[in-house]
Amino acid sequence: MFINQVVSEDVAKIQLEMISEQIGGAGDIAILSATANATNQNAWIDFMETELANNPDYADINLVAKVYGDDDDTKSFQEAQGLLQAYPDLKGIISPTTVGIAATARYLSTSKYKGKVALTGLGLPNEMRPFVKDGTVEAFALWDPAQLGYVAAYAGKALDDGTITGAVGDSFTAGELGERTVEEGGVVIVGPPTMFNAENIDDYDF
């Protein structure tokens, strides 16, 4: 079996939900991604673009630019700076990359845009903690690696004791996280991404 952290569509949706809430459901946004050929990033962005085009909840949100920081801190910082110069009315930035969101937060935290331009995406709690606490970032998300290990351990035990064989449709209970079902290709999904904000960020250490 393959224990998969998240479904790509869920990753895309939570980022859109966060940015929409943070900008009041209307305005121009941009995406600062990793590399132009990053398969996972592009899958998330495709889902986001589909949602923006088809979900009436996002009818007033306009994606004006997609830029790439190549998962390099300096380049991501410069790309964030460039976005704000090119689009002075920008309301928010989504950065679905841990390097990109941290670099963008660093730029925003010392700029005139702090508190005016929303930033969300996928980040590491330990890197993003200071930016959440100083008000640069309201909320962001990522999968919880502890949950991944937790589900994997229960899946391994279920295989070992014969509760499941790994066949499609097999199900097992992953402790306090509840029931999980084996999907096509032997895939087991851990669950939706975890959202981090000022209230819970100190509960995580990674």
C-alpha atoms as a PDB file:
ATOM      1  CA  MET A   1       0.000   0.000   0.000  1.00  0.00           C
ATOM      2  CA  PHE A   2       0.955   3.628  -0.421  1.00  0.00           C
ATOM      3  CA  ILE A   3       0.084   5.972   2.433  1.00  0.00           C
ATOM      4  CA  ASN A   4      -0.540   9.302   0.718  1.00  0.00           C
ATOM      5  CA  GLN A   5      -0.587  12.491   2.787  1.00  0.00           C
ATOM      6  CA  VAL A   6      -3.357  14.297   0.936  1.00  0.00           C
ATOM      7  CA  VAL A   7      -5.478  14.498  -2.194  1.00  0.00           C
ATOM      8  CA  SER A   8      -4.269  17.182  -4.613  1.00  0.00           C
ATOM      9  CA  GLU A   9      -7.742  18.658  -4.911  1.00  0.00           C
ATOM     10  CA  ASP A  10      -7.968  19.090  -1.130  1.00  0.00           C
ATOM     11  CA  VAL A  11      -4.613  20.892  -1.106  1.00  0.00           C
ATOM     12  CA  ALA A  12      -5.867  23.300  -3.761  1.00  0.00           C
ATOM     13  CA  LYS A  13      -9.222  23.880  -2.083  1.00  0.00           C
ATOM     14  CA  ILE A  14      -7.904  24.704   1.377  1.00  0.00           C
ATOM     15  CA  GLN A  15      -5.530  27.304  -0.073  1.00  0.00           C
ATOM     16  CA  LEU A  16      -8.359  28.982  -1.978  1.00  0.00           C
ATOM     17  CA  GLU A  17     -10.620  28.876   1.066  1.00  0.00           C
ATOM     18  CA  MET A  18      -7.947  30.568   3.174  1.00  0.00           C
ATOM     19  CA  ILE A  19      -7.103  33.300   0.680  1.00  0.00           C
ATOM     20  CA  SER A  20     -10.784  34.002   0.003  1.00  0.00           C
ATOM     21  CA  GLU A  21     -11.496  34.408   3.709  1.00  0.00           C
ATOM     22  CA  GLN A  22      -8.435  36.593   4.222  1.00  0.00           C
ATOM     23  CA  ILE A  23      -9.217  39.011   1.364  1.00  0.00           C
ATOM     24  CA  GLY A  24     -12.958  39.159   1.983  1.00  0.00           C
ATOM     25  CA  GLY A  25     -13.865  37.096  -1.066  1.00  0.00           C
ATOM     26  CA  ALA A  26     -12.851  39.666  -3.676  1.00  0.00           C
ATOM     27  CA  GLY A  27      -9.749  41.103  -5.328  1.00  0.00           C
ATOM     28  CA  ASP A  28      -6.658  40.298  -7.343  1.00  0.00           C
ATOM     29  CA  ILE A  29      -4.421  37.439  -6.235  1.00  0.00           C
ATOM     30  CA  ALA A  30      -1.198  35.874  -7.512  1.00  0.00           C
ATOM     31  CA  ILE A  31       0.508  32.512  -7.122  1.00  0.00           C
ATOM     32  CA  LEU A  32       4.192  32.199  -6.278  1.00  0.00           C
ATOM     33  CA  SER A  33       5.083  28.577  -6.971  1.00  0.00           C
ATOM     34  CA  ALA A  34       8.269  26.511  -6.970  1.00  0.00           C
ATOM     35  CA  THR A  35       9.377  25.508 -10.468  1.00  0.00           C
ATOM     36  CA  ALA A  36       7.344  25.656 -13.650  1.00  0.00           C
ATOM     37  CA  ASN A  37       7.695  21.894 -14.126  1.00  0.00           C
ATOM     38  CA  ALA A  38       6.953  20.770 -10.543  1.00  0.00           C
ATOM     39  CA  THR A  39       4.282  18.100 -11.019  1.00  0.00           C
ATOM     40  CA  ASN A  40       2.666  18.414  -7.599  1.00  0.00           C
ATOM     41  CA  GLN A  41       2.635  22.224  -7.635  1.00  0.00           C
ATOM     42  CA  ASN A  42       1.125  22.286 -11.118  1.00  0.00           C
ATOM     43  CA  ALA A  43      -1.583  19.803 -10.128  1.00  0.00           C
ATOM     44  CA  TRP A  44      -2.578  22.026  -7.195  1.00  0.00           C
ATOM     45  CA  ILE A  45      -2.519  25.142  -9.364  1.00  0.00           C
ATOM     46  CA  ASP A  46      -4.663  23.437 -12.044  1.00  0.00           C
ATOM     47  CA  PHE A  47      -7.263  22.578  -9.406  1.00  0.00           C
ATOM     48  CA  MET A  48      -7.149  26.152  -8.095  1.00  0.00           C
ATOM     49  CA  GLU A  49      -7.666  27.606 -11.562  1.00  0.00           C
ATOM     50  CA  THR A  50     -10.597  25.246 -12.163  1.00  0.00           C
ATOM     51  CA  GLU A  51     -12.190  26.250  -8.860  1.00  0.00           C
ATOM     52  CA  LEU A  52     -11.677  29.953  -9.570  1.00  0.00           C
ATOM     53  CA  ALA A  53     -13.316  29.556 -12.979  1.00  0.00           C
ATOM     54  CA  ASN A  54     -16.267  27.424 -11.910  1.00  0.00           C
ATOM     55  CA  ASN A  55     -17.038  28.059  -8.238  1.00  0.00           C
ATOM     56  CA  PRO A  56     -19.412  31.026  -7.773  1.00  0.00           C
ATOM     57  CA  ASP A  57     -17.922  31.600  -4.313  1.00  0.00           C
ATOM     58  CA  TYR A  58     -14.781  32.838  -6.079  1.00  0.00           C
ATOM     59  CA  ALA A  59     -16.439  34.870  -8.827  1.00  0.00           C
ATOM     60  CA  ASP A  60     -14.930  38.106  -7.520  1.00  0.00           C
ATOM     61  CA  ILE A  61     -11.386  36.764  -7.130  1.00  0.00           C
ATOM     62  CA  ASN A  62      -9.078  37.363 -10.078  1.00  0.00           C
ATOM     63  CA  LEU A  63      -5.817  35.441 -10.574  1.00  0.00           C
ATOM     64  CA  VAL A  64      -3.544  38.015 -12.220  1.00  0.00           C
ATOM     65  CA  ALA A  65      -0.165  36.270 -12.221  1.00  0.00           C
ATOM     66  CA  LYS A  66       1.750  33.032 -11.670  1.00  0.00           C
ATOM     67  CA  VAL A  67       5.465  33.336 -10.933  1.00  0.00           C
ATOM     68  CA  TYR A  68       8.138  30.838  -9.984  1.00  0.00           C
ATOM     69  CA  GLY A  69      10.802  31.137  -7.306  1.00  0.00           C
ATOM     70  CA  ASP A  70      12.435  27.789  -8.214  1.00  0.00           C
ATOM     71  CA  ASP A  71      12.305  26.821  -4.521  1.00  0.00           C
ATOM     72  CA  ASP A  72      15.210  29.195  -4.002  1.00  0.00           C
ATOM     73  CA  ASP A  73      14.902  31.585  -1.071  1.00  0.00           C
ATOM     74  CA  THR A  74      16.523  34.583  -2.754  1.00  0.00           C
ATOM     75  CA  LYS A  75      14.663  34.182  -6.045  1.00  0.00           C
ATOM     76  CA  SER A  76      11.344  33.657  -4.239  1.00  0.00           C
ATOM     77  CA  PHE A  77      11.952  36.826  -2.189  1.00  0.00           C
ATOM     78  CA  GLN A  78      12.657  38.769  -5.388  1.00  0.00           C
ATOM     79  CA  GLU A  79       9.598  37.335  -7.157  1.00  0.00           C
ATOM     80  CA  ALA A  80       7.387  38.375  -4.244  1.00  0.00           C
ATOM     81  CA  GLN A  81       8.845  41.866  -4.388  1.00  0.00           C
ATOM     82  CA  GLY A  82       8.262  41.940  -8.144  1.00  0.00           C
ATOM     83  CA  LEU A  83       4.620  40.919  -7.788  1.00  0.00           C
ATOM     84  CA  LEU A  84       3.851  43.808  -5.457  1.00  0.00           C
ATOM     85  CA  GLN A  85       5.613  46.265  -7.749  1.00  0.00           C
ATOM     86  CA  ALA A  86       3.817  44.965 -10.855  1.00  0.00           C
ATOM     87  CA  TYR A  87       0.396  44.692  -9.199  1.00  0.00           C
ATOM     88  CA  PRO A  88       0.028  47.469  -6.602  1.00  0.00           C
ATOM     89  CA  ASP A  89      -3.640  46.532  -6.038  1.00  0.00           C
ATOM     90  CA  LEU A  90      -2.832  42.910  -5.236  1.00  0.00           C
ATOM     91  CA  LYS A  91      -4.912  41.651  -2.315  1.00  0.00           C
ATOM     92  CA  GLY A  92      -3.265  38.296  -1.723  1.00  0.00           C
ATOM     93  CA  ILE A  93      -0.577  35.785  -2.625  1.00  0.00           C
ATOM     94  CA  ILE A  94      -0.804  31.997  -2.530  1.00  0.00           C
ATOM     95  CA  SER A  95       2.547  30.228  -2.289  1.00  0.00           C
ATOM     96  CA  PRO A  96       2.119  26.428  -2.406  1.00  0.00           C
ATOM     97  CA  THR A  97       5.768  25.829  -1.500  1.00  0.00           C
ATOM     98  CA  THR A  98       7.462  25.954   1.901  1.00  0.00           C
ATOM     99  CA  VAL A  99      10.431  27.907   0.528  1.00  0.00           C
ATOM    100  CA  GLY A 100       8.247  30.382  -1.337  1.00  0.00           C
ATOM    101  CA  ILE A 101       5.828  31.156   1.471  1.00  0.00           C
ATOM    102  CA  ALA A 102       8.640  31.724   3.990  1.00  0.00           C
ATOM    103  CA  ALA A 103      10.536  34.019   1.602  1.00  0.00           C
ATOM    104  CA  THR A 104       7.371  35.950   0.739  1.00  0.00           C
ATOM    105  CA  ALA A 105       6.505  36.316   4.420  1.00  0.00           C
ATOM    106  CA  ARG A 106       9.987  37.660   5.097  1.00  0.00           C
ATOM    107  CA  TYR A 107       9.530  40.285   2.391  1.00  0.00           C
ATOM    108  CA  LEU A 108       6.038  41.288   3.505  1.00  0.00           C
ATOM    109  CA  SER A 109       7.005  41.472   7.188  1.00  0.00           C
ATOM    110  CA  THR A 110       9.283  44.468   6.634  1.00  0.00           C
ATOM    111  CA  SER A 111       7.371  46.128   3.800  1.00  0.00           C
ATOM    112  CA  LYS A 112       4.524  48.620   3.600  1.00  0.00           C
ATOM    113  CA  TYR A 113       2.306  45.742   2.465  1.00  0.00           C
ATOM    114  CA  LYS A 114       2.349  44.011   5.851  1.00  0.00           C
ATOM    115  CA  GLY A 115      -1.226  43.639   7.041  1.00  0.00           C
ATOM    116  CA  LYS A 116      -2.535  44.837   3.687  1.00  0.00           C
ATOM    117  CA  VAL A 117      -1.618  41.934   1.403  1.00  0.00           C
ATOM    118  CA  ALA A 118      -2.702  38.488   2.579  1.00  0.00           C
ATOM    119  CA  LEU A 119      -0.327  35.550   2.255  1.00  0.00           C
ATOM    120  CA  THR A 120      -1.198  31.888   2.510  1.00  0.00           C
ATOM    121  CA  GLY A 121      -0.124  28.569   1.034  1.00  0.00           C
ATOM    122  CA  LEU A 122       1.876  25.594   2.248  1.00  0.00           C
ATOM    123  CA  GLY A 123       4.491  26.140   4.940  1.00  0.00           C
ATOM    124  CA  LEU A 124       6.327  24.620   7.867  1.00  0.00           C
ATOM    125  CA  PRO A 125       5.096  25.733  11.303  1.00  0.00           C
ATOM    126  CA  ASN A 126       8.619  26.240  12.660  1.00  0.00           C
ATOM    127  CA  GLU A 127       9.538  28.517   9.739  1.00  0.00           C
ATOM    128  CA  MET A 128       6.253  30.415   9.698  1.00  0.00           C
ATOM    129  CA  ARG A 129       5.715  30.851  13.450  1.00  0.00           C
ATOM    130  CA  PRO A 130       7.325  34.332  13.716  1.00  0.00           C
ATOM    131  CA  PHE A 131       5.296  35.593  10.750  1.00  0.00           C
ATOM    132  CA  VAL A 132       2.045  34.319  12.224  1.00  0.00           C
ATOM    133  CA  LYS A 133       2.842  35.864  15.593  1.00  0.00           C
ATOM    134  CA  ASP A 134       3.780  39.264  14.137  1.00  0.00           C
ATOM    135  CA  GLY A 135       0.619  39.415  12.021  1.00  0.00           C
ATOM    136  CA  THR A 136       2.232  39.033   8.593  1.00  0.00           C
ATOM    137  CA  VAL A 137       0.395  35.742   7.968  1.00  0.00           C
ATOM    138  CA  GLU A 138      -3.041  34.874   9.293  1.00  0.00           C
ATOM    139  CA  ALA A 139      -3.191  31.189   8.341  1.00  0.00           C
ATOM    140  CA  PHE A 140      -1.507  28.606   6.109  1.00  0.00           C
ATOM    141  CA  ALA A 141      -1.611  24.838   5.721  1.00  0.00           C
ATOM    142  CA  LEU A 142       0.381  21.634   5.267  1.00  0.00           C
ATOM    143  CA  TRP A 143      -0.050  17.939   5.922  1.00  0.00           C
ATOM    144  CA  ASP A 144       0.926  16.763   9.384  1.00  0.00           C
ATOM    145  CA  PRO A 145       3.839  14.272   9.096  1.00  0.00           C
ATOM    146  CA  ALA A 146       2.963  12.800  12.494  1.00  0.00           C
ATOM    147  CA  GLN A 147      -0.449  11.793  11.137  1.00  0.00           C
ATOM    148  CA  LEU A 148       1.239  10.214   8.117  1.00  0.00           C
ATOM    149  CA  GLY A 149       3.387   8.025  10.360  1.00  0.00           C
ATOM    150  CA  TYR A 150       0.408   7.295  12.600  1.00  0.00           C
ATOM    151  CA  VAL A 151      -1.774   5.996   9.741  1.00  0.00           C
ATOM    152  CA  ALA A 152       1.167   4.076   8.247  1.00  0.00           C
ATOM    153  CA  ALA A 153       1.776   2.281  11.542  1.00  0.00           C
ATOM    154  CA  TYR A 154      -1.858   1.195  11.818  1.00  0.00           C
ATOM    155  CA  ALA A 155      -1.880   0.150   8.143  1.00  0.00           C
ATOM    156  CA  GLY A 156       1.230  -1.964   8.671  1.00  0.00           C
ATOM    157  CA  LYS A 157      -0.269  -3.642  11.723  1.00  0.00           C
ATOM    158  CA  ALA A 158      -3.536  -4.331   9.876  1.00  0.00           C
ATOM    159  CA  LEU A 159      -1.584  -5.968   7.051  1.00  0.00           C
ATOM    160  CA  ASP A 160       0.536  -7.965   9.448  1.00  0.00           C
ATOM    161  CA  ASP A 161      -2.360  -9.341  11.485  1.00  0.00           C
ATOM    162  CA  GLY A 162      -4.473 -10.094   8.418  1.00  0.00           C
ATOM    163  CA  THR A 163      -7.229  -7.536   9.079  1.00  0.00           C
ATOM    164  CA  ILE A 164      -6.637  -6.327   5.528  1.00  0.00           C
ATOM    165  CA  THR A 165      -4.757  -7.634   2.477  1.00  0.00           C
ATOM    166  CA  GLY A 166      -4.253  -4.284   0.743  1.00  0.00           C
ATOM    167  CA  ALA A 167      -7.074  -4.937  -1.710  1.00  0.00           C
ATOM    168  CA  VAL A 168      -9.205  -2.042  -2.952  1.00  0.00           C
ATOM    169  CA  GLY A 169     -12.073  -1.501  -0.526  1.00  0.00           C
ATOM    170  CA  ASP A 170     -10.269  -2.949   2.498  1.00  0.00           C
ATOM    171  CA  SER A 171     -10.668  -0.760   5.566  1.00  0.00           C
ATOM    172  CA  PHE A 172      -8.980  -0.492   8.938  1.00  0.00           C
ATOM    173  CA  THR A 173      -9.166   1.771  11.956  1.00  0.00           C
ATOM    174  CA  ALA A 174      -6.239   4.161  12.369  1.00  0.00           C
ATOM    175  CA  GLY A 175      -6.597   4.786  16.090  1.00  0.00           C
ATOM    176  CA  GLU A 176      -8.033   8.187  16.978  1.00  0.00           C
ATOM    177  CA  LEU A 177      -7.934   9.271  13.327  1.00  0.00           C
ATOM    178  CA  GLY A 178     -10.705   6.801  12.524  1.00  0.00           C
ATOM    179  CA  GLU A 179     -11.356   4.498   9.611  1.00  0.00           C
ATOM    180  CA  ARG A 180      -9.291   4.506   6.439  1.00  0.00           C
ATOM    181  CA  THR A 181     -10.098   2.671   3.195  1.00  0.00           C
ATOM    182  CA  VAL A 182      -7.723   1.298   0.577  1.00  0.00           C
ATOM    183  CA  GLU A 183      -8.368   3.016  -2.750  1.00  0.00           C
ATOM    184  CA  GLU A 184      -7.316   2.232  -6.335  1.00  0.00           C
ATOM    185  CA  GLY A 185      -3.619   1.468  -6.643  1.00  0.00           C
ATOM    186  CA  GLY A 186      -3.360   0.475  -2.994  1.00  0.00           C
ATOM    187  CA  VAL A 187      -3.534   4.126  -1.904  1.00  0.00           C
ATOM    188  CA  VAL A 188      -4.627   5.144   1.585  1.00  0.00           C
ATOM    189  CA  ILE A 189      -5.262   8.859   2.144  1.00  0.00           C
ATOM    190  CA  VAL A 190      -4.254  10.274   5.515  1.00  0.00           C
ATOM    191  CA  GLY A 191      -6.661  13.193   5.298  1.00  0.00           C
ATOM    192  CA  PRO A 192      -7.094  16.856   4.490  1.00  0.00           C
ATOM    193  CA  PRO A 193      -4.265  19.312   5.154  1.00  0.00           C
ATOM    194  CA  THR A 194      -3.883  20.833   8.603  1.00  0.00           C
ATOM    195  CA  MET A 195      -4.441  24.582   8.851  1.00  0.00           C
ATOM    196  CA  PHE A 196      -2.112  26.538  11.121  1.00  0.00           C
ATOM    197  CA  ASN A 197      -2.888  29.886  12.750  1.00  0.00           C
ATOM    198  CA  ALA A 198      -2.054  31.826  15.898  1.00  0.00           C
ATOM    199  CA  GLU A 199      -4.264  29.602  18.010  1.00  0.00           C
ATOM    200  CA  ASN A 200      -2.651  26.248  17.191  1.00  0.00           C
ATOM    201  CA  ILE A 201       0.795  26.861  15.697  1.00  0.00           C
ATOM    202  CA  ASP A 202       2.611  26.320  19.008  1.00  0.00           C
ATOM    203  CA  ASP A 203       1.147  22.803  19.141  1.00  0.00           C
ATOM    204  CA  TYR A 204       3.398  21.748  16.237  1.00  0.00           C
ATOM    205  CA  ASP A 205       7.144  21.289  16.022  1.00  0.00           C
ATOM    206  CA  PHE A 206       8.361  20.552  12.487  1.00  0.00           C
END
